[in-house]
């Protein structure tokens, strides 16, 4: 059974996300921007490309996000170390976190 894509209505009422409403990608503890433009479809259901300003804004937002990710350390906090010790104390024959606390 094939799907006749010409019979699918693509007006604004049937789009799951209206183009005017921005997508929330905010991280509460971050300075990462709170919005990103929604993907837009034309009347045939084809993707409308982002304009230059939207592309630049997206690039800046992604760079900020990568910068934040790069600032995350791999050093576990004291709570994590306690957890590691407790788990390993229950498995002395085969510790999972040896050397991490």
N, C-alpha and C. Protein backbone atom coordinates (compact mmCIF):
# COMPACT_ATOMS: atom_id res chain seq x y z
N UNK A 1 0.85 -1.19 0.00
CA UNK A 1 0.00 0.00 0.00
C UNK A 1 0.88 1.24 0.00
N UNK A 2 0.70 2.11 -0.97
CA UNK A 2 1.52 3.31 -1.03
C UNK A 2 0.74 4.50 -0.49
N UNK A 3 1.47 5.46 -0.01
CA UNK A 3 0.88 6.66 0.56
C UNK A 3 0.89 7.76 -0.50
N UNK A 4 -0.27 8.30 -0.78
CA UNK A 4 -0.37 9.39 -1.74
C UNK A 4 -0.11 10.69 -1.00
N UNK A 5 1.11 11.22 -1.13
CA UNK A 5 1.48 12.42 -0.39
C UNK A 5 0.75 13.66 -0.88
N UNK A 6 0.20 13.63 -2.08
CA UNK A 6 -0.56 14.78 -2.58
C UNK A 6 -1.89 14.95 -1.86
N UNK A 7 -2.38 13.88 -1.24
CA UNK A 7 -3.66 13.98 -0.55
C UNK A 7 -3.52 14.45 0.89
N UNK A 8 -2.29 14.60 1.37
CA UNK A 8 -2.08 15.03 2.76
C UNK A 8 -2.14 16.55 2.81
N UNK A 9 -3.04 17.09 3.65
CA UNK A 9 -3.10 18.55 3.76
C UNK A 9 -1.94 19.06 4.61
N UNK A 10 -1.24 20.09 4.13
CA UNK A 10 -0.08 20.63 4.86
C UNK A 10 -0.32 22.08 5.26
N UNK A 11 -1.53 22.42 5.57
CA UNK A 11 -1.77 23.80 5.99
C UNK A 11 -1.34 23.98 7.45
N UNK A 12 -1.35 25.19 7.92
CA UNK A 12 -0.84 25.48 9.27
C UNK A 12 -1.63 24.74 10.36
N UNK A 13 -2.87 24.49 10.13
CA UNK A 13 -3.69 23.82 11.15
C UNK A 13 -3.24 22.38 11.38
N UNK A 14 -2.66 21.74 10.37
CA UNK A 14 -2.26 20.34 10.52
C UNK A 14 -0.78 20.18 10.86
N UNK A 15 0.01 21.25 10.79
CA UNK A 15 1.41 21.14 11.15
C UNK A 15 1.53 20.97 12.66
N UNK A 16 2.36 20.03 13.12
CA UNK A 16 2.45 19.80 14.55
C UNK A 16 3.05 20.98 15.31
N UNK A 17 3.91 21.78 14.68
CA UNK A 17 4.53 22.92 15.33
C UNK A 17 4.44 24.13 14.42
N UNK A 18 3.64 25.12 14.79
CA UNK A 18 3.54 26.32 13.96
C UNK A 18 4.90 27.00 13.82
N UNK A 19 5.17 27.57 12.67
CA UNK A 19 6.46 28.19 12.39
C UNK A 19 6.75 29.38 13.29
N UNK A 20 5.72 30.08 13.76
CA UNK A 20 5.93 31.27 14.58
C UNK A 20 6.42 30.94 15.98
N UNK A 21 6.07 29.78 16.48
CA UNK A 21 6.42 29.43 17.86
C UNK A 21 7.81 28.81 17.91
N UNK A 22 8.73 29.43 18.66
CA UNK A 22 10.09 28.90 18.72
C UNK A 22 10.18 27.65 19.59
N UNK A 23 11.14 26.81 19.28
CA UNK A 23 11.40 25.60 20.04
C UNK A 23 12.22 25.95 21.27
N UNK A 24 11.80 25.52 22.43
CA UNK A 24 12.53 25.80 23.66
C UNK A 24 13.64 24.79 23.83
N UNK A 25 14.87 25.28 23.93
CA UNK A 25 16.02 24.42 24.17
C UNK A 25 16.81 24.95 25.35
N UNK A 26 16.13 25.63 26.25
CA UNK A 26 16.82 26.26 27.37
C UNK A 26 17.26 25.26 28.41
N UNK A 27 18.43 25.49 28.93
CA UNK A 27 18.94 24.74 30.07
C UNK A 27 18.83 25.71 31.24
N UNK A 28 18.14 25.32 32.30
CA UNK A 28 17.85 26.22 33.40
C UNK A 28 19.10 26.81 34.05
N UNK A 29 20.19 26.07 34.09
CA UNK A 29 21.40 26.54 34.75
C UNK A 29 22.38 27.16 33.77
N UNK A 30 21.93 27.50 32.59
CA UNK A 30 22.85 27.89 31.54
C UNK A 30 22.49 29.25 30.96
N UNK A 31 23.44 29.83 30.26
CA UNK A 31 23.16 31.04 29.50
C UNK A 31 22.83 30.71 28.05
N UNK A 32 22.60 29.43 27.77
CA UNK A 32 22.25 28.98 26.43
C UNK A 32 20.94 29.63 26.00
N UNK A 33 20.82 30.08 24.76
CA UNK A 33 19.60 30.75 24.33
C UNK A 33 18.35 29.88 24.49
N UNK A 34 17.26 30.52 24.81
CA UNK A 34 16.04 29.79 25.14
C UNK A 34 15.22 29.37 23.92
N UNK A 35 15.58 29.86 22.75
CA UNK A 35 14.76 29.52 21.59
C UNK A 35 15.61 29.13 20.39
N UNK A 36 15.00 28.39 19.50
CA UNK A 36 15.60 28.01 18.24
C UNK A 36 14.46 27.99 17.22
N UNK A 37 14.70 28.44 16.01
CA UNK A 37 13.59 28.50 15.05
C UNK A 37 13.06 27.10 14.70
N UNK A 38 11.77 27.00 14.59
CA UNK A 38 11.13 25.75 14.18
C UNK A 38 11.39 25.50 12.70
N UNK A 39 11.38 24.25 12.32
CA UNK A 39 11.44 23.93 10.90
C UNK A 39 10.11 24.31 10.27
N UNK A 40 10.20 24.84 9.08
CA UNK A 40 8.98 25.27 8.39
C UNK A 40 8.79 24.45 7.14
N UNK A 41 7.53 24.19 6.80
CA UNK A 41 7.19 23.42 5.60
C UNK A 41 6.38 24.30 4.66
N UNK A 42 6.58 24.10 3.36
CA UNK A 42 5.77 24.82 2.39
C UNK A 42 4.45 24.08 2.19
N UNK A 43 3.63 24.56 1.26
CA UNK A 43 2.31 23.95 1.05
C UNK A 43 2.39 22.54 0.46
N UNK A 44 3.55 22.14 -0.03
CA UNK A 44 3.74 20.77 -0.54
C UNK A 44 4.38 19.86 0.51
N UNK A 45 4.65 20.40 1.69
CA UNK A 45 5.25 19.60 2.74
C UNK A 45 6.76 19.53 2.68
N UNK A 46 7.36 20.36 1.85
CA UNK A 46 8.82 20.39 1.73
C UNK A 46 9.41 21.35 2.74
N UNK A 47 10.61 21.05 3.20
CA UNK A 47 11.29 21.87 4.18
C UNK A 47 11.72 23.20 3.57
N UNK A 48 11.41 24.29 4.26
CA UNK A 48 11.85 25.62 3.85
C UNK A 48 13.19 25.87 4.53
N UNK A 49 14.23 26.15 3.76
CA UNK A 49 15.56 26.34 4.37
C UNK A 49 15.58 27.55 5.32
N UNK A 50 16.48 27.48 6.30
CA UNK A 50 16.67 28.61 7.21
C UNK A 50 17.29 29.77 6.44
N UNK A 51 16.93 31.00 6.84
CA UNK A 51 17.57 32.15 6.20
C UNK A 51 18.94 32.37 6.85
N UNK A 52 19.74 33.30 6.32
CA UNK A 52 21.10 33.51 6.82
C UNK A 52 21.14 33.90 8.29
N UNK A 53 20.22 34.75 8.72
CA UNK A 53 20.19 35.18 10.12
C UNK A 53 19.90 33.99 11.04
N UNK A 54 18.96 33.13 10.64
CA UNK A 54 18.63 31.95 11.46
C UNK A 54 19.81 30.98 11.52
N UNK A 55 20.51 30.81 10.39
CA UNK A 55 21.68 29.94 10.36
C UNK A 55 22.76 30.46 11.30
N UNK A 56 23.03 31.77 11.23
CA UNK A 56 24.06 32.36 12.08
C UNK A 56 23.69 32.23 13.55
N UNK A 57 22.43 32.46 13.89
CA UNK A 57 21.98 32.34 15.28
C UNK A 57 22.14 30.91 15.76
N UNK A 58 21.82 29.94 14.92
CA UNK A 58 21.96 28.54 15.29
C UNK A 58 23.43 28.17 15.50
N UNK A 59 24.31 28.68 14.64
CA UNK A 59 25.75 28.41 14.78
C UNK A 59 26.27 28.98 16.09
N UNK A 60 25.88 30.20 16.42
CA UNK A 60 26.33 30.82 17.67
C UNK A 60 25.82 30.01 18.86
N UNK A 61 24.56 29.59 18.82
CA UNK A 61 23.99 28.81 19.92
C UNK A 61 24.70 27.47 20.09
N UNK A 62 25.01 26.81 18.99
CA UNK A 62 25.69 25.52 19.07
C UNK A 62 27.10 25.70 19.61
N UNK A 63 27.79 26.76 19.18
CA UNK A 63 29.14 27.03 19.70
C UNK A 63 29.11 27.28 21.20
N UNK A 64 28.11 28.03 21.66
CA UNK A 64 27.97 28.26 23.11
C UNK A 64 27.75 26.95 23.85
N UNK A 65 26.89 26.11 23.30
CA UNK A 65 26.58 24.84 23.94
C UNK A 65 27.83 23.96 24.00
N UNK A 66 28.60 23.92 22.92
CA UNK A 66 29.84 23.13 22.91
C UNK A 66 30.83 23.68 23.93
N UNK A 67 30.90 25.00 24.04
CA UNK A 67 31.77 25.63 25.03
C UNK A 67 31.39 25.19 26.44
N UNK A 68 30.09 25.17 26.72
CA UNK A 68 29.62 24.72 28.04
C UNK A 68 29.95 23.26 28.27
N UNK A 69 29.75 22.44 27.27
CA UNK A 69 30.05 21.01 27.40
C UNK A 69 31.53 20.80 27.67
N UNK A 70 32.38 21.58 27.01
CA UNK A 70 33.83 21.46 27.22
C UNK A 70 34.26 21.85 28.63
N UNK A 71 33.43 22.62 29.33
CA UNK A 71 33.76 23.04 30.69
C UNK A 71 33.38 21.99 31.72
N UNK A 72 32.69 20.96 31.33
CA UNK A 72 32.31 19.89 32.26
C UNK A 72 33.56 19.07 32.58
N UNK A 73 33.80 18.88 33.86
CA UNK A 73 34.98 18.11 34.26
C UNK A 73 34.61 16.64 34.42
N UNK A 74 35.61 15.80 34.32
CA UNK A 74 35.41 14.36 34.52
C UNK A 74 35.66 13.96 35.97
N UNK A 75 36.01 14.92 36.80
CA UNK A 75 36.30 14.63 38.20
C UNK A 75 34.98 14.43 38.96
N UNK A 76 34.77 13.25 39.54
CA UNK A 76 33.53 13.03 40.28
C UNK A 76 33.51 13.85 41.57
N UNK A 77 32.35 14.27 41.98
CA UNK A 77 32.20 15.00 43.24
C UNK A 77 32.26 14.05 44.42
N UNK A 78 32.23 14.63 45.62
CA UNK A 78 32.32 13.81 46.83
C UNK A 78 31.14 12.84 46.96
N UNK A 79 29.95 13.26 46.55
CA UNK A 79 28.78 12.37 46.60
C UNK A 79 28.99 11.15 45.69
N UNK A 80 29.54 11.40 44.51
CA UNK A 80 29.81 10.29 43.59
C UNK A 80 30.86 9.35 44.17
N UNK A 81 31.89 9.93 44.78
CA UNK A 81 32.94 9.09 45.38
C UNK A 81 32.36 8.20 46.48
N UNK A 82 31.46 8.77 47.30
CA UNK A 82 30.81 7.96 48.34
C UNK A 82 30.02 6.82 47.72
N UNK A 83 29.30 7.11 46.67
CA UNK A 83 28.53 6.08 45.97
C UNK A 83 29.46 4.99 45.45
N UNK A 84 30.58 5.40 44.83
CA UNK A 84 31.55 4.43 44.30
C UNK A 84 32.08 3.52 45.41
N UNK A 85 32.41 4.14 46.56
CA UNK A 85 32.93 3.35 47.70
C UNK A 85 31.90 2.34 48.17
N UNK A 86 30.65 2.77 48.29
CA UNK A 86 29.58 1.88 48.79
C UNK A 86 29.38 0.71 47.83
N UNK A 87 29.31 1.00 46.54
CA UNK A 87 29.12 -0.07 45.56
C UNK A 87 30.29 -1.04 45.61
N UNK A 88 31.51 -0.52 45.63
CA UNK A 88 32.69 -1.39 45.67
C UNK A 88 32.79 -2.18 46.97
N UNK A 89 32.30 -1.62 48.07
CA UNK A 89 32.35 -2.38 49.33
C UNK A 89 31.41 -3.58 49.30
N UNK A 90 30.38 -3.51 48.47
CA UNK A 90 29.44 -4.63 48.34
C UNK A 90 29.94 -5.66 47.32
N UNK A 91 30.98 -5.30 46.57
CA UNK A 91 31.53 -6.19 45.55
C UNK A 91 33.06 -6.28 45.69
N UNK A 92 33.57 -6.72 46.83
CA UNK A 92 35.03 -6.72 47.02
C UNK A 92 35.74 -7.66 46.03
N UNK A 93 35.05 -8.68 45.58
CA UNK A 93 35.64 -9.63 44.64
C UNK A 93 35.78 -9.05 43.23
N UNK A 94 34.98 -8.02 42.93
CA UNK A 94 34.99 -7.44 41.58
C UNK A 94 34.56 -5.96 41.64
N UNK A 95 35.45 -5.09 42.10
CA UNK A 95 35.08 -3.68 42.22
C UNK A 95 34.87 -3.03 40.84
N UNK A 96 33.87 -2.17 40.78
CA UNK A 96 33.57 -1.47 39.53
C UNK A 96 34.28 -0.12 39.40
N UNK A 97 34.50 0.55 40.53
CA UNK A 97 34.97 1.92 40.50
C UNK A 97 36.36 2.08 41.12
N UNK A 98 37.13 1.04 41.12
CA UNK A 98 38.45 1.09 41.73
C UNK A 98 39.29 2.19 41.08
N UNK A 99 39.90 3.02 41.91
CA UNK A 99 40.72 4.11 41.44
C UNK A 99 39.97 5.40 41.20
N UNK A 100 38.67 5.41 41.34
CA UNK A 100 37.89 6.63 41.12
C UNK A 100 37.52 7.35 42.42
N UNK A 101 37.91 6.80 43.57
CA UNK A 101 37.59 7.45 44.85
C UNK A 101 38.80 7.53 45.74
